Amino acid sequence: MAEGLGRERWAHTSALMALLANVNRDPKKGRAFRPSDFDPYSRNDRRIAGKEDLAMLREALEARKGR
Protein backbone atom coordinates (compact mmCIF):
# COMPACT_ATOMS: atom_id res chain seq x y z
CA MET A 1 0.00 0.00 0.00
CA ALA A 2 2.85 2.36 0.78
CA GLU A 3 4.49 1.63 -2.57
CA GLY A 4 1.23 2.42 -4.38
CA LEU A 5 1.03 5.76 -2.59
CA GLY A 6 4.64 6.52 -3.52
CA ARG A 7 4.00 5.61 -7.16
CA GLU A 8 0.93 7.86 -7.26
CA ARG A 9 2.80 10.76 -5.71
CA TRP A 10 5.71 10.37 -8.12
CA ALA A 11 3.32 10.17 -11.08
CA HIS A 12 1.88 13.52 -10.03
CA THR A 13 5.26 15.10 -9.28
CA SER A 14 6.84 13.85 -12.50
CA ALA A 15 3.95 15.28 -14.54
CA LEU A 16 4.55 18.68 -12.97
CA MET A 17 8.31 18.41 -13.53
CA ALA A 18 7.79 17.53 -17.20
CA LEU A 19 5.42 20.47 -17.61
CA LEU A 20 7.94 22.85 -16.03
CA ALA A 21 10.82 21.49 -18.11
CA ASN A 22 8.82 21.74 -21.36
CA VAL A 23 7.79 25.32 -20.67
CA ASN A 24 11.44 26.32 -20.26
CA ARG A 25 13.05 24.22 -22.99
CA ASP A 26 14.27 25.35 -26.39
CA PRO A 27 12.14 23.50 -28.98
CA LYS A 28 14.99 23.58 -31.50
CA LYS A 29 17.38 21.66 -29.26
CA GLY A 30 15.56 18.40 -28.61
CA ARG A 31 12.41 16.48 -27.95
CA ALA A 32 9.78 17.30 -25.40
CA PHE A 33 10.11 15.78 -21.95
CA ARG A 34 7.72 13.09 -20.78
CA PRO A 35 6.70 12.46 -17.18
CA SER A 36 8.42 9.07 -17.39
CA ASP A 37 11.73 10.91 -17.83
CA PHE A 38 11.42 12.10 -14.22
CA ASP A 39 9.57 9.21 -12.58
CA PRO A 40 11.94 6.82 -10.77
CA TYR A 41 9.31 4.07 -10.70
CA SER A 42 8.82 4.08 -14.46
CA ARG A 43 12.54 3.45 -14.96
CA ASN A 44 12.18 0.22 -12.99
CA ASP A 45 9.30 -0.88 -15.22
CA ARG A 46 11.27 -0.57 -18.47
CA ARG A 47 12.55 -3.81 -19.93
CA ILE A 48 16.28 -3.96 -20.47
CA ALA A 49 17.43 -6.04 -23.42
CA GLY A 50 19.51 -9.02 -22.41
CA LYS A 51 22.32 -10.72 -24.29
CA GLU A 52 19.88 -13.26 -25.74
CA ASP A 53 17.71 -10.49 -27.19
CA LEU A 54 20.71 -8.79 -28.74
CA ALA A 55 21.94 -12.06 -30.23
CA MET A 56 18.53 -12.65 -31.84
CA LEU A 57 18.54 -9.11 -33.22
CA ARG A 58 22.04 -9.58 -34.63
CA GLU A 59 21.01 -12.86 -36.32
CA ALA A 60 17.94 -11.22 -37.84
CA LEU A 61 19.99 -8.33 -39.22
CA GLU A 62 22.63 -10.65 -40.65
CA ALA A 63 19.95 -12.78 -42.31
CA ARG A 64 18.44 -9.67 -43.81
CA LYS A 65 21.82 -8.59 -45.22
CA GLY A 66 22.13 -11.87 -47.07
CA ARG A 67 19.01 -11.25 -49.16
C-alpha atoms as a PDB file:
ATOM      1  CA  MET A   1       0.000   0.000   0.000  1.00  0.00           C
ATOM      2  CA  ALA A   2       2.848   2.362   0.780  1.00  0.00           C
ATOM      3  CA  GLU A   3       4.490   1.633  -2.571  1.00  0.00           C
ATOM      4  CA  GLY A   4       1.231   2.419  -4.381  1.00  0.00           C
ATOM      5  CA  LEU A   5       1.029   5.756  -2.594  1.00  0.00           C
ATOM      6  CA  GLY A   6       4.641   6.520  -3.519  1.00  0.00           C
ATOM      7  CA  ARG A   7       3.997   5.610  -7.162  1.00  0.00           C
ATOM      8  CA  GLU A   8       0.925   7.863  -7.261  1.00  0.00           C
ATOM      9  CA  ARG A   9       2.797  10.764  -5.711  1.00  0.00           C
ATOM     10  CA  TRP A  10       5.714  10.367  -8.117  1.00  0.00           C
ATOM     11  CA  ALA A  11       3.315  10.172 -11.079  1.00  0.00           C
ATOM     12  CA  HIS A  12       1.879  13.524 -10.028  1.00  0.00           C
ATOM     13  CA  THR A  13       5.259  15.098  -9.279  1.00  0.00           C
ATOM     14  CA  SER A  14       6.844  13.847 -12.501  1.00  0.00           C
ATOM     15  CA  ALA A  15       3.954  15.282 -14.545  1.00  0.00           C
ATOM     16  CA  LEU A  16       4.554  18.678 -12.970  1.00  0.00           C
ATOM     17  CA  MET A  17       8.306  18.408 -13.526  1.00  0.00           C
ATOM     18  CA  ALA A  18       7.793  17.531 -17.204  1.00  0.00           C
ATOM     19  CA  LEU A  19       5.425  20.471 -17.608  1.00  0.00           C
ATOM     20  CA  LEU A  20       7.939  22.847 -16.029  1.00  0.00           C
ATOM     21  CA  ALA A  21      10.817  21.491 -18.108  1.00  0.00           C
ATOM     22  CA  ASN A  22       8.817  21.744 -21.357  1.00  0.00           C
ATOM     23  CA  VAL A  23       7.793  25.324 -20.665  1.00  0.00           C
ATOM     24  CA  ASN A  24      11.439  26.323 -20.256  1.00  0.00           C
ATOM     25  CA  ARG A  25      13.049  24.221 -22.990  1.00  0.00           C
ATOM     26  CA  ASP A  26      14.269  25.351 -26.394  1.00  0.00           C
ATOM     27  CA  PRO A  27      12.140  23.501 -28.979  1.00  0.00           C
ATOM     28  CA  LYS A  28      14.989  23.580 -31.495  1.00  0.00           C
ATOM     29  CA  LYS A  29      17.380  21.656 -29.259  1.00  0.00           C
ATOM     30  CA  GLY A  30      15.556  18.403 -28.612  1.00  0.00           C
ATOM     31  CA  ARG A  31      12.408  16.483 -27.954  1.00  0.00           C
ATOM     32  CA  ALA A  32       9.782  17.305 -25.404  1.00  0.00           C
ATOM     33  CA  PHE A  33      10.112  15.780 -21.952  1.00  0.00           C
ATOM     34  CA  ARG A  34       7.720  13.090 -20.782  1.00  0.00           C
ATOM     35  CA  PRO A  35       6.696  12.458 -17.176  1.00  0.00           C
ATOM     36  CA  SER A  36       8.416   9.069 -17.387  1.00  0.00           C
ATOM     37  CA  ASP A  37      11.729  10.905 -17.833  1.00  0.00           C
ATOM     38  CA  PHE A  38      11.420  12.103 -14.223  1.00  0.00           C
ATOM     39  CA  ASP A  39       9.573   9.209 -12.578  1.00  0.00           C
ATOM     40  CA  PRO A  40      11.944   6.819 -10.771  1.00  0.00           C
ATOM     41  CA  TYR A  41       9.312   4.070 -10.703  1.00  0.00           C
ATOM     42  CA  SER A  42       8.819   4.085 -14.464  1.00  0.00           C
ATOM     43  CA  ARG A  43      12.543   3.452 -14.963  1.00  0.00           C
ATOM     44  CA  ASN A  44      12.183   0.221 -12.994  1.00  0.00           C
ATOM     45  CA  ASP A  45       9.304  -0.878 -15.216  1.00  0.00           C
ATOM     46  CA  ARG A  46      11.269  -0.569 -18.466  1.00  0.00           C
ATOM     47  CA  ARG A  47      12.546  -3.806 -19.932  1.00  0.00           C
ATOM     48  CA  ILE A  48      16.280  -3.959 -20.467  1.00  0.00           C
ATOM     49  CA  ALA A  49      17.428  -6.036 -23.418  1.00  0.00           C
ATOM     50  CA  GLY A  50      19.508  -9.020 -22.408  1.00  0.00           C
ATOM     51  CA  LYS A  51      22.315 -10.722 -24.285  1.00  0.00           C
ATOM     52  CA  GLU A  52      19.876 -13.262 -25.744  1.00  0.00           C
ATOM     53  CA  ASP A  53      17.708 -10.494 -27.186  1.00  0.00           C
ATOM     54  CA  LEU A  54      20.705  -8.787 -28.737  1.00  0.00           C
ATOM     55  CA  ALA A  55      21.940 -12.064 -30.234  1.00  0.00           C
ATOM     56  CA  MET A  56      18.526 -12.654 -31.836  1.00  0.00           C
ATOM     57  CA  LEU A  57      18.539  -9.112 -33.224  1.00  0.00           C
ATOM     58  CA  ARG A  58      22.045  -9.583 -34.629  1.00  0.00           C
ATOM     59  CA  GLU A  59      21.014 -12.856 -36.320  1.00  0.00           C
ATOM     60  CA  ALA A  60      17.944 -11.217 -37.844  1.00  0.00           C
ATOM     61  CA  LEU A  61      19.993  -8.328 -39.216  1.00  0.00           C
ATOM     62  CA  GLU A  62      22.635 -10.645 -40.651  1.00  0.00           C
ATOM     63  CA  ALA A  63      19.948 -12.782 -42.312  1.00  0.00           C
ATOM     64  CA  ARG A  64      18.439  -9.674 -43.813  1.00  0.00           C
ATOM     65  CA  LYS A  65      21.821  -8.586 -45.224  1.00  0.00           C
ATOM     66  CA  GLY A  66      22.130 -11.873 -47.068  1.00  0.00           C
ATOM     67  CA  ARG A  67      19.009 -11.247 -49.163  1.00  0.00           C
END
